[in-house]
Amino acid sequence: MKGSPNFIAAKLEAILRSRCDLAGQGEADRTLDSITRFFEGLEGKRLSKPELLRRAAEAVRKTFGFEEVTVLTECDDGLFRYTIVLGYTQKAEEELKPLAYRGDQVLEPDSTPIVKINKYLDMTIAEAEQRPDQKVGYTHPVLINMPRKSLEEFVYGDYLDVYVFGSGDRILAVFELSAPRDRKMPSALKLKWLRLFAIILGNVMEHQTDDK
């Protein structure tokens, strides 16, 4: 292509800027746009960790299509508790809030079997054998025993866990996602986006938030 460097640069700038601003039509584009907007909205801000996690939970719920989202974080006594609960009934939330877990319990849940996806993602399935304290906090408990019709179905009682790490692999938060609107197992693309979201969020929590 002939033209001066300035001409070519100007044309490319216009083309590439328009592509960045173009709203995507596919799943990948919509997800990328939403994640980008979320983290761009944090630029220049210094939030408390609870406020950052609340915003992150709302973004995950909207972007990835899960009706129920909770966040476990470490409290002053060193135990992890449900500090954010979205999409649950008041009764279910009241059952979740008193629960407390040690760090090793958070990283290695007692439910068996556990579906290990990667460092940042695992899944508790509805069919798993659970501790008594894990059998509370359901918005629709009557749906727990519904049979799974296929391996692509995300049934009520399934939970996708997203782990957020800080330096030295210190656990900062765990997002529990359930009740997807499409009632399907997350796609490969969705799993990759959730992993990326957790990685970026961990860095933001480490370097761009106040302790409280």
Protein backbone atom coordinates (compact mmCIF):
# COMPACT_ATOMS: atom_id res chain seq x y z
CA MET A 1 0.00 0.00 0.00
CA LYS A 2 1.40 3.37 -1.04
CA GLY A 3 1.17 6.53 1.03
CA SER A 4 3.09 8.52 3.56
CA PRO A 5 3.64 7.06 7.02
CA ASN A 6 1.38 9.75 8.47
CA PHE A 7 -1.40 8.88 6.02
CA ILE A 8 -1.15 5.15 6.75
CA ALA A 9 -0.97 5.78 10.49
CA ALA A 10 -4.05 8.01 10.41
CA LYS A 11 -6.05 5.46 8.43
CA LEU A 12 -5.02 2.60 10.69
CA GLU A 13 -5.79 4.67 13.76
CA ALA A 14 -9.32 5.33 12.52
CA ILE A 15 -9.89 1.69 11.61
CA LEU A 16 -8.49 0.22 14.82
CA ARG A 17 -10.22 2.77 17.06
CA SER A 18 -13.54 1.95 15.44
CA ARG A 19 -12.96 -1.74 16.02
CA CYS A 20 -12.23 -1.15 19.69
CA ASP A 21 -15.43 0.86 20.04
CA LEU A 22 -17.58 -1.55 18.05
CA ALA A 23 -20.03 -3.48 20.19
CA GLY A 24 -19.49 -7.19 19.62
CA GLN A 25 -22.33 -9.39 18.46
CA GLY A 26 -21.00 -12.80 19.49
CA GLU A 27 -20.49 -14.30 22.92
CA ALA A 28 -16.74 -13.63 22.87
CA ASP A 29 -17.17 -9.99 21.91
CA ARG A 30 -19.93 -9.30 24.42
CA THR A 31 -17.95 -10.89 27.23
CA LEU A 32 -14.76 -9.09 26.32
CA ASP A 33 -16.61 -5.76 26.10
CA SER A 34 -18.18 -6.29 29.53
CA ILE A 35 -14.92 -7.32 31.23
CA THR A 36 -13.08 -4.43 29.61
CA ARG A 37 -15.70 -1.92 30.78
CA PHE A 38 -15.54 -3.28 34.31
CA PHE A 39 -11.78 -2.98 34.69
CA GLU A 40 -11.61 0.31 32.79
CA GLY A 41 -14.11 1.65 35.32
CA LEU A 42 -11.60 0.94 38.08
CA GLU A 43 -8.80 3.00 36.54
CA GLY A 44 -7.62 5.75 38.88
CA LYS A 45 -9.87 4.56 41.70
CA ARG A 46 -8.88 3.11 45.04
CA LEU A 47 -11.74 1.14 46.54
CA SER A 48 -12.09 -0.87 49.69
CA LYS A 49 -11.88 -4.60 49.07
CA PRO A 50 -15.54 -5.16 50.06
CA GLU A 51 -16.68 -2.51 47.58
CA LEU A 52 -14.46 -3.89 44.81
CA LEU A 53 -15.74 -7.41 45.40
CA ARG A 54 -19.36 -6.24 45.45
CA ARG A 55 -18.86 -4.58 42.08
CA ALA A 56 -17.04 -7.63 40.77
CA ALA A 57 -19.83 -9.96 41.92
CA GLU A 58 -22.43 -7.83 40.17
CA ALA A 59 -20.31 -7.77 37.01
CA VAL A 60 -19.85 -11.56 37.06
CA ARG A 61 -23.56 -12.10 37.57
CA LYS A 62 -24.48 -9.86 34.66
CA THR A 63 -21.67 -10.84 32.28
CA PHE A 64 -21.69 -14.60 32.73
CA GLY A 65 -25.40 -15.13 33.26
CA PHE A 66 -25.56 -16.71 36.72
CA GLU A 67 -28.63 -15.88 38.80
CA GLU A 68 -26.93 -16.68 42.11
CA VAL A 69 -23.50 -15.35 43.07
CA THR A 70 -21.81 -15.43 46.46
CA VAL A 71 -18.33 -14.36 47.56
CA LEU A 72 -16.33 -15.86 50.41
CA THR A 73 -13.65 -13.64 51.95
CA GLU A 74 -11.35 -13.88 54.94
CA CYS A 75 -12.63 -12.08 58.03
CA ASP A 76 -10.71 -10.59 60.97
CA ASP A 77 -10.67 -13.94 62.81
CA GLY A 78 -8.95 -15.67 59.88
CA LEU A 79 -12.05 -17.59 58.82
CA PHE A 80 -13.76 -17.29 55.45
CA ARG A 81 -17.40 -16.26 55.37
CA TYR A 82 -20.06 -15.32 52.83
CA THR A 83 -19.68 -11.55 52.74
CA ILE A 84 -21.57 -11.01 49.47
CA VAL A 85 -24.77 -12.81 48.51
CA LEU A 86 -26.65 -11.94 45.30
CA GLY A 87 -29.81 -13.50 43.92
CA TYR A 88 -30.79 -15.55 46.96
CA THR A 89 -33.93 -15.40 49.05
CA GLN A 90 -33.65 -13.79 52.47
CA LYS A 91 -34.00 -17.19 54.16
CA ALA A 92 -31.20 -18.70 52.07
CA GLU A 93 -28.96 -15.70 52.74
CA GLU A 94 -29.60 -15.95 56.47
CA GLU A 95 -28.54 -19.61 56.35
CA LEU A 96 -25.31 -18.80 54.49
CA LYS A 97 -24.11 -15.82 56.51
CA PRO A 98 -23.24 -17.70 59.77
CA LEU A 99 -21.14 -20.34 57.97
CA ALA A 100 -17.36 -20.11 58.44
CA TYR A 101 -14.45 -22.06 56.91
CA ARG A 102 -10.73 -22.34 57.39
CA GLY A 103 -8.51 -21.52 54.43
CA ASP A 104 -7.73 -25.18 53.77
CA GLN A 105 -11.45 -25.98 53.69
CA VAL A 106 -12.00 -23.26 51.12
CA LEU A 107 -9.23 -24.54 48.85
CA GLU A 108 -10.03 -28.21 49.35
CA PRO A 109 -13.81 -28.60 49.80
CA ASP A 110 -15.00 -31.69 51.63
CA SER A 111 -17.66 -32.44 49.03
CA THR A 112 -16.80 -35.55 47.05
CA PRO A 113 -16.26 -35.93 44.25
CA ILE A 114 -15.03 -32.45 43.32
CA VAL A 115 -14.57 -31.49 39.67
CA LYS A 116 -11.10 -29.91 39.37
CA ILE A 117 -10.88 -27.76 36.23
CA ASN A 118 -7.71 -25.76 36.83
CA LYS A 119 -6.03 -23.67 39.54
CA TYR A 120 -8.74 -21.01 39.35
CA LEU A 121 -11.85 -23.09 38.77
CA ASP A 122 -13.52 -26.13 40.23
CA MET A 123 -17.06 -27.34 40.58
CA THR A 124 -19.23 -28.99 43.21
CA ILE A 125 -21.89 -31.13 41.59
CA ALA A 126 -25.38 -31.63 42.94
CA GLU A 127 -24.78 -35.37 43.24
CA ALA A 128 -21.76 -34.90 45.53
CA GLU A 129 -21.73 -36.12 49.09
CA GLN A 130 -21.79 -32.97 51.22
CA ARG A 131 -21.27 -31.93 54.82
CA PRO A 132 -24.44 -31.01 56.72
CA ASP A 133 -23.55 -27.30 56.62
CA GLN A 134 -23.38 -27.45 52.83
CA LYS A 135 -27.00 -28.55 52.57
CA VAL A 136 -28.35 -25.14 53.57
CA GLY A 137 -28.61 -21.85 51.77
CA TYR A 138 -30.62 -23.03 48.77
CA THR A 139 -33.16 -20.65 47.28
CA HIS A 140 -35.07 -23.55 45.72
CA PRO A 141 -34.34 -26.63 47.87
CA VAL A 142 -37.08 -28.69 46.18
CA LEU A 143 -35.02 -28.63 42.97
CA ILE A 144 -31.89 -30.19 44.46
CA ASN A 145 -32.85 -33.78 43.71
CA MET A 146 -33.91 -33.20 40.12
CA PRO A 147 -32.18 -35.77 37.89
CA ARG A 148 -29.46 -34.64 35.50
CA LYS A 149 -30.64 -35.35 31.96
CA SER A 150 -27.27 -34.85 30.26
CA LEU A 151 -23.68 -33.89 31.05
CA GLU A 152 -24.29 -30.53 29.37
CA GLU A 153 -27.03 -29.64 31.86
CA PHE A 154 -26.15 -27.43 34.84
CA VAL A 155 -28.64 -28.63 37.45
CA TYR A 156 -29.75 -26.90 40.61
CA GLY A 157 -27.21 -27.71 43.31
CA ASP A 158 -24.23 -27.41 40.97
CA TYR A 159 -21.74 -24.68 41.97
CA LEU A 160 -18.86 -23.30 39.94
CA ASP A 161 -16.12 -21.96 42.21
CA VAL A 162 -13.81 -19.20 40.97
CA TYR A 163 -10.67 -18.63 43.08
CA VAL A 164 -8.97 -15.24 43.30
CA PHE A 165 -5.34 -15.38 44.43
CA GLY A 166 -2.88 -12.78 45.63
CA SER A 167 0.89 -12.92 45.89
CA GLY A 168 2.31 -16.24 47.05
CA ASP A 169 -0.94 -17.93 46.02
CA ARG A 170 -2.69 -16.46 49.05
CA ILE A 171 -6.43 -16.90 48.62
CA LEU A 172 -8.20 -13.55 48.52
CA ALA A 173 -11.75 -14.53 47.61
CA VAL A 174 -13.87 -17.33 46.24
CA PHE A 175 -16.83 -16.67 43.96
CA GLU A 176 -19.57 -19.33 43.98
CA LEU A 177 -21.69 -19.24 40.84
CA SER A 178 -24.92 -21.16 40.42
CA ALA A 179 -28.25 -21.19 38.60
CA PRO A 180 -27.08 -20.14 35.10
CA ARG A 181 -29.85 -18.61 33.05
CA ASP A 182 -29.30 -21.00 30.14
CA ARG A 183 -29.10 -24.03 32.50
CA LYS A 184 -26.06 -25.28 30.59
CA MET A 185 -22.51 -26.16 31.59
CA PRO A 186 -20.19 -23.20 30.93
CA SER A 187 -18.65 -23.16 27.48
CA ALA A 188 -14.90 -23.38 26.95
CA LEU A 189 -14.93 -19.68 26.20
CA LYS A 190 -16.80 -18.82 29.39
CA LEU A 191 -14.36 -20.85 31.49
CA LYS A 192 -11.41 -19.05 29.91
CA TRP A 193 -13.00 -15.64 30.53
CA LEU A 194 -13.72 -16.51 34.17
CA ARG A 195 -10.12 -17.60 34.67
CA LEU A 196 -8.86 -14.36 33.15
CA PHE A 197 -11.29 -12.31 35.25
CA ALA A 198 -9.99 -14.00 38.42
CA ILE A 199 -6.34 -13.37 37.47
CA ILE A 200 -6.88 -9.67 36.76
CA LEU A 201 -9.09 -9.19 39.82
CA GLY A 202 -6.42 -10.72 42.05
CA ASN A 203 -3.88 -8.20 40.79
CA VAL A 204 -6.29 -5.31 41.32
CA MET A 205 -7.04 -6.48 44.86
CA GLU A 206 -3.33 -6.69 45.66
CA HIS A 207 -2.28 -3.32 44.28
CA GLN A 208 -5.30 -1.05 43.97
CA THR A 209 -7.42 -1.46 47.09
CA ASP A 210 -7.42 -0.44 50.71
CA ASP A 211 -7.29 -3.19 53.32
CA LYS A 212 -10.79 -2.54 54.67
